[in-house]
Amino acid sequence: MRLINQIPSRPSAIMLATIPFFLLLIAYVVGSEIRLAANPQDKLLPALNTIGSTAQRLFFEPDRRSNEILLWKDTFASLIRLSMGVGISALISLILGMVIGLLPIARSSLSSFVSILSMVPPLALLPILFIIFGLGELSKVVLIIIGITPFMTRDLSQRVLDIPTEQLIKAQTIGASSLVIALRVALPQILPRLIANVRLSLGSAWLFLIAAEAVASNVGLGYRIFLVRRYLAMDVILTYVIWITVLAFAVDWVLKTISRKAFPWMEAGL
């Protein structure tokens, strides 16, 4: 049997999925043991038990100065910024994507602009955003919006263009207006794609958020990471990095579940 036809069973798939993580863990443990054996005070690769004790302290012990658990405070602040940025981006992308995909006039006017805008490095605009919007929450949210909206818009507009012309002609034949066609024909077909776009854009959204928080913020996951780096507190940094990864995975899983429940026909076609 050819390799391309060999489909692993569910238990085998789970085992294969754990192998890369297991190998990465082994590599880290070996590297940590080597460095700590050479220098017990080394901070670059702390032992797993050190990371575990640090994580327990960060998750459950309040800060002595503020009497707050800083990790949860940082998490709440970052998730609020992330959800606002991604949510607004999704809404803008949905509207622009449908307008560009359905209306030739809008496509001629906006398509090239969105394409060029998607090529601008968002992080290069960060100083400009701080000058225009200040150092508060708005500039961080705007960076996420600028960073992921153009790509989502381009993909959604192309998805609208891929709708069979026969569907649009049939809708017009029975007297449907442009608005009805947009809401009853195009919208149901691009909503699953919108969720998929959000899932694909989450990595970039986290990147822009962490960068903005690192430059100008007094709370947030990115702020805390860059605050403790000056002390080489790798146990704290790694705990925060693992926590961010867990949060990103959880959000992705929720979106995937929503897509599977709301659009089972889309999942069946994949």
Protein backbone atom coordinates (compact mmCIF):
# COMPACT_ATOMS: atom_id res chain seq x y z
CA MET A 1 0.00 0.00 0.00
CA ARG A 2 1.28 3.47 -0.87
CA LEU A 3 2.05 5.85 1.97
CA ILE A 4 -0.49 8.37 0.70
CA ASN A 5 -3.23 5.78 1.27
CA GLN A 6 -2.22 4.80 4.81
CA ILE A 7 -4.63 6.49 7.22
CA PRO A 8 -3.74 6.03 10.91
CA SER A 9 -6.39 4.93 13.38
CA ARG A 10 -7.56 7.27 16.10
CA PRO A 11 -5.18 5.89 18.78
CA SER A 12 -2.29 5.91 16.32
CA ALA A 13 -3.07 9.49 15.29
CA ILE A 14 -3.03 10.59 18.93
CA MET A 15 0.27 8.82 19.52
CA LEU A 16 1.82 10.35 16.40
CA ALA A 17 0.62 13.80 17.47
CA THR A 18 2.36 13.49 20.85
CA ILE A 19 5.72 12.43 19.40
CA PRO A 20 6.97 15.93 18.41
CA PHE A 21 6.02 17.34 21.82
CA PHE A 22 7.72 14.44 23.57
CA LEU A 23 10.90 14.90 21.55
CA LEU A 24 10.90 18.63 22.25
CA LEU A 25 10.49 17.96 25.96
CA ILE A 26 13.37 15.47 25.94
CA ALA A 27 15.59 17.94 24.09
CA TYR A 28 14.81 20.64 26.63
CA VAL A 29 15.44 18.36 29.62
CA VAL A 30 18.77 17.18 28.20
CA GLY A 31 19.85 20.74 27.38
CA SER A 32 18.82 21.96 30.82
CA GLU A 33 20.68 19.15 32.58
CA ILE A 34 23.86 19.87 30.61
CA ARG A 35 23.78 23.60 31.35
CA LEU A 36 22.90 23.17 35.04
CA ALA A 37 25.62 20.54 35.46
CA ALA A 38 28.17 23.02 34.12
CA ASN A 39 26.71 25.95 36.08
CA PRO A 40 24.06 25.34 38.78
CA GLN A 41 23.23 29.07 38.72
CA ASP A 42 22.45 29.08 35.00
CA LYS A 43 19.11 30.79 34.23
CA LEU A 44 18.82 30.17 30.50
CA LEU A 45 17.27 26.69 30.70
CA PRO A 46 15.71 26.25 34.16
CA ALA A 47 14.80 22.75 35.30
CA LEU A 48 11.22 21.55 34.86
CA ASN A 49 10.62 21.50 38.61
CA THR A 50 11.72 25.15 38.76
CA ILE A 51 9.24 26.06 36.02
CA GLY A 52 6.54 24.08 37.84
CA SER A 53 7.08 25.87 41.14
CA THR A 54 7.19 29.23 39.36
CA ALA A 55 3.94 28.45 37.56
CA GLN A 56 2.27 27.52 40.84
CA ARG A 57 3.40 30.80 42.37
CA LEU A 58 2.27 32.88 39.37
CA PHE A 59 -1.16 31.24 39.15
CA PHE A 60 -2.08 31.15 42.83
CA GLU A 61 0.02 33.58 44.90
CA PRO A 62 -0.91 37.29 44.94
CA ASP A 63 1.72 39.96 44.42
CA ARG A 64 3.04 41.42 47.66
CA ARG A 65 2.71 45.02 46.50
CA SER A 66 -0.69 45.01 44.78
CA ASN A 67 -2.16 41.94 46.50
CA GLU A 68 -3.34 40.79 43.05
CA ILE A 69 -2.46 37.67 41.10
CA LEU A 70 -0.60 39.36 38.25
CA LEU A 71 -0.84 36.50 35.77
CA TRP A 72 -4.64 36.58 35.84
CA LYS A 73 -4.65 40.37 35.63
CA ASP A 74 -2.33 40.23 32.63
CA THR A 75 -4.42 37.50 31.01
CA PHE A 76 -7.66 39.45 31.37
CA ALA A 77 -6.13 42.62 29.92
CA SER A 78 -4.58 40.81 26.95
CA LEU A 79 -7.72 38.79 26.14
CA ILE A 80 -9.85 41.95 26.17
CA ARG A 81 -7.48 43.64 23.69
CA LEU A 82 -7.26 40.53 21.54
CA SER A 83 -11.01 39.93 21.41
CA MET A 84 -11.71 43.58 20.54
CA GLY A 85 -9.10 43.64 17.78
CA VAL A 86 -10.05 40.30 16.25
CA GLY A 87 -13.78 40.95 16.60
CA ILE A 88 -13.63 44.34 14.89
CA SER A 89 -11.35 42.93 12.20
CA ALA A 90 -13.79 40.08 11.52
CA LEU A 91 -16.71 42.49 11.18
CA ILE A 92 -14.83 44.87 8.86
CA SER A 93 -13.50 41.98 6.78
CA LEU A 94 -16.95 40.43 6.46
CA ILE A 95 -18.52 43.68 5.22
CA LEU A 96 -15.67 44.66 2.91
CA GLY A 97 -15.27 41.14 1.57
CA MET A 98 -18.93 40.93 0.60
CA VAL A 99 -18.96 44.44 -0.88
CA ILE A 100 -15.81 43.83 -2.95
CA GLY A 101 -16.90 40.37 -4.02
CA LEU A 102 -20.45 41.29 -5.01
CA LEU A 103 -20.21 44.83 -6.37
CA PRO A 104 -17.99 45.38 -9.43
CA ILE A 105 -17.82 49.13 -8.74
CA ALA A 106 -16.53 48.53 -5.21
CA ARG A 107 -14.16 45.85 -6.48
CA SER A 108 -12.60 48.28 -8.96
CA SER A 109 -12.27 50.91 -6.25
CA LEU A 110 -11.16 48.93 -3.19
CA SER A 111 -9.53 45.71 -4.38
CA SER A 112 -6.14 47.22 -5.26
CA PHE A 113 -6.15 49.39 -2.13
CA VAL A 114 -6.74 46.39 0.16
CA SER A 115 -4.08 44.38 -1.67
CA ILE A 116 -1.48 47.11 -1.23
CA LEU A 117 -2.49 47.68 2.38
CA SER A 118 -1.93 43.99 3.12
CA MET A 119 1.72 44.39 2.08
CA VAL A 120 2.48 47.11 4.65
CA PRO A 121 4.38 45.67 7.66
CA PRO A 122 2.03 46.39 10.60
CA LEU A 123 4.81 46.57 13.19
CA ALA A 124 6.44 49.36 11.19
CA LEU A 125 3.31 51.41 11.83
CA LEU A 126 3.44 50.93 15.59
CA PRO A 127 5.25 54.24 16.35
CA ILE A 128 2.79 56.09 14.11
CA LEU A 129 -0.15 54.48 15.90
CA PHE A 130 1.25 55.51 19.28
CA ILE A 131 1.62 59.10 18.04
CA ILE A 132 -1.90 59.24 16.60
CA PHE A 133 -3.86 57.21 19.16
CA GLY A 134 -1.62 57.55 22.21
CA LEU A 135 -0.23 54.85 24.45
CA GLY A 136 -3.59 53.58 25.68
CA GLU A 137 -5.74 50.65 24.67
CA LEU A 138 -6.84 52.06 21.32
CA SER A 139 -3.43 51.90 19.65
CA LYS A 140 -2.99 48.24 20.59
CA VAL A 141 -6.41 47.29 19.23
CA VAL A 142 -5.84 49.30 16.05
CA LEU A 143 -2.53 47.49 15.45
CA ILE A 144 -4.32 44.14 15.51
CA ILE A 145 -7.00 45.47 13.17
CA ILE A 146 -4.47 46.84 10.69
CA GLY A 147 -2.42 43.67 10.93
CA ILE A 148 -5.06 41.06 10.09
CA THR A 149 -7.98 42.85 8.40
CA PRO A 150 -6.47 43.20 4.88
CA PHE A 151 -5.62 39.50 4.59
CA MET A 152 -9.03 38.42 5.87
CA THR A 153 -10.75 40.86 3.52
CA ARG A 154 -8.85 39.59 0.48
CA ASP A 155 -9.66 35.98 1.27
CA LEU A 156 -13.35 36.63 1.95
CA SER A 157 -13.79 38.71 -1.19
CA GLN A 158 -12.24 35.90 -3.22
CA ARG A 159 -14.59 33.42 -1.55
CA VAL A 160 -17.54 35.58 -2.62
CA LEU A 161 -16.18 35.70 -6.17
CA ASP A 162 -15.98 31.90 -6.14
CA ILE A 163 -19.74 31.60 -5.55
CA PRO A 164 -21.20 29.99 -8.69
CA THR A 165 -22.66 32.60 -11.02
CA GLU A 166 -25.72 30.39 -11.47
CA GLN A 167 -26.73 31.01 -7.87
CA LEU A 168 -26.60 34.77 -8.30
CA ILE A 169 -28.53 34.58 -11.58
CA LYS A 170 -31.25 32.40 -10.06
CA ALA A 171 -31.60 34.78 -7.11
CA GLN A 172 -31.99 37.73 -9.46
CA THR A 173 -34.49 35.79 -11.58
CA ILE A 174 -36.87 35.42 -8.64
CA GLY A 175 -36.56 39.14 -7.91
CA ALA A 176 -33.96 39.22 -5.12
CA SER A 177 -32.33 42.61 -4.52
CA SER A 178 -28.60 43.12 -4.04
CA LEU A 179 -29.08 43.22 -0.27
CA VAL A 180 -31.11 40.01 -0.25
CA ILE A 181 -28.50 38.28 -2.41
CA ALA A 182 -25.80 39.41 0.00
CA LEU A 183 -27.68 38.21 3.09
CA ARG A 184 -29.32 35.05 1.75
CA VAL A 185 -26.86 33.77 -0.85
CA ALA A 186 -23.38 35.10 -0.06
CA LEU A 187 -23.41 35.44 3.72
CA PRO A 188 -24.23 31.80 4.61
CA GLN A 189 -21.45 30.60 2.32
CA ILE A 190 -18.69 32.85 3.65
CA LEU A 191 -19.44 32.66 7.39
CA PRO A 192 -17.58 29.33 7.72
CA ARG A 193 -14.69 30.88 5.82
CA LEU A 194 -14.77 33.85 8.19
CA ILE A 195 -14.31 31.57 11.19
CA ALA A 196 -11.49 29.78 9.40
CA ASN A 197 -9.85 33.14 8.68
CA VAL A 198 -10.09 34.17 12.31
CA ARG A 199 -8.46 30.91 13.34
CA LEU A 200 -5.63 31.41 10.86
CA SER A 201 -5.15 35.03 11.93
CA LEU A 202 -4.94 34.35 15.66
CA GLY A 203 -1.19 33.74 15.54
CA SER A 204 -0.55 37.10 13.88
CA ALA A 205 -3.00 38.81 16.24
CA TRP A 206 -1.11 37.47 19.26
CA LEU A 207 2.16 38.64 17.72
CA PHE A 208 0.90 42.20 17.22
CA LEU A 209 -0.62 42.25 20.70
CA ILE A 210 2.55 41.08 22.43
CA ALA A 211 4.63 43.61 20.47
CA ALA A 212 2.32 46.49 21.35
CA GLU A 213 2.19 45.50 25.03
CA ALA A 214 5.96 45.18 25.17
CA VAL A 215 6.50 48.71 23.86
CA ALA A 216 3.88 50.66 25.80
CA SER A 217 1.77 49.09 28.53
CA ASN A 218 1.65 48.58 32.25
CA VAL A 219 -0.33 45.33 32.20
CA GLY A 220 -0.63 42.39 29.85
CA LEU A 221 1.10 39.14 28.98
CA GLY A 222 3.53 40.81 26.57
CA TYR A 223 4.31 43.56 29.06
CA ARG A 224 5.17 41.05 31.79
CA ILE A 225 7.43 39.00 29.53
CA PHE A 226 9.48 41.99 28.48
CA LEU A 227 9.50 43.35 32.03
CA VAL A 228 11.15 40.26 33.56
CA ARG A 229 13.57 39.66 30.69
CA ARG A 230 15.95 42.22 32.16
CA TYR A 231 16.32 39.90 35.17
CA LEU A 232 16.80 36.82 32.95
CA ALA A 233 13.79 35.25 34.70
CA MET A 234 13.43 32.47 32.15
CA ASP A 235 11.20 30.44 34.47
CA VAL A 236 8.65 33.29 34.44
CA ILE A 237 9.04 33.90 30.71
CA LEU A 238 8.59 30.23 29.82
CA THR A 239 5.54 30.00 32.08
CA TYR A 240 3.97 32.96 30.31
CA VAL A 241 4.88 31.57 26.87
CA ILE A 242 3.32 28.20 27.70
CA TRP A 243 0.23 29.95 29.07
CA ILE A 244 -0.15 32.05 25.91
CA THR A 245 0.13 28.88 23.85
CA VAL A 246 -2.58 27.21 25.95
CA LEU A 247 -4.86 30.24 25.56
CA ALA A 248 -4.31 30.34 21.80
CA PHE A 249 -5.06 26.62 21.52
CA ALA A 250 -8.22 27.00 23.63
CA VAL A 251 -9.53 29.88 21.50
CA ASP A 252 -8.78 27.94 18.32
CA TRP A 253 -10.58 24.88 19.70
CA VAL A 254 -13.64 26.94 20.61
CA LEU A 255 -13.80 28.47 17.12
CA LYS A 256 -13.36 25.05 15.51
CA THR A 257 -16.16 23.64 17.65
CA ILE A 258 -18.46 26.55 16.76
CA SER A 259 -17.73 26.03 13.07
CA ARG A 260 -18.37 22.29 13.31
CA LYS A 261 -21.66 22.75 15.18
CA ALA A 262 -22.97 25.70 13.15
CA PHE A 263 -21.82 24.56 9.71
CA PRO A 264 -21.67 20.75 9.68
CA TRP A 265 -22.02 20.76 5.89
CA MET A 266 -18.76 22.71 5.66
CA GLU A 267 -16.91 20.25 7.87
CA ALA A 268 -18.26 17.33 5.86
CA GLY A 269 -16.90 18.82 2.68
CA LEU A 270 -13.35 19.16 3.97
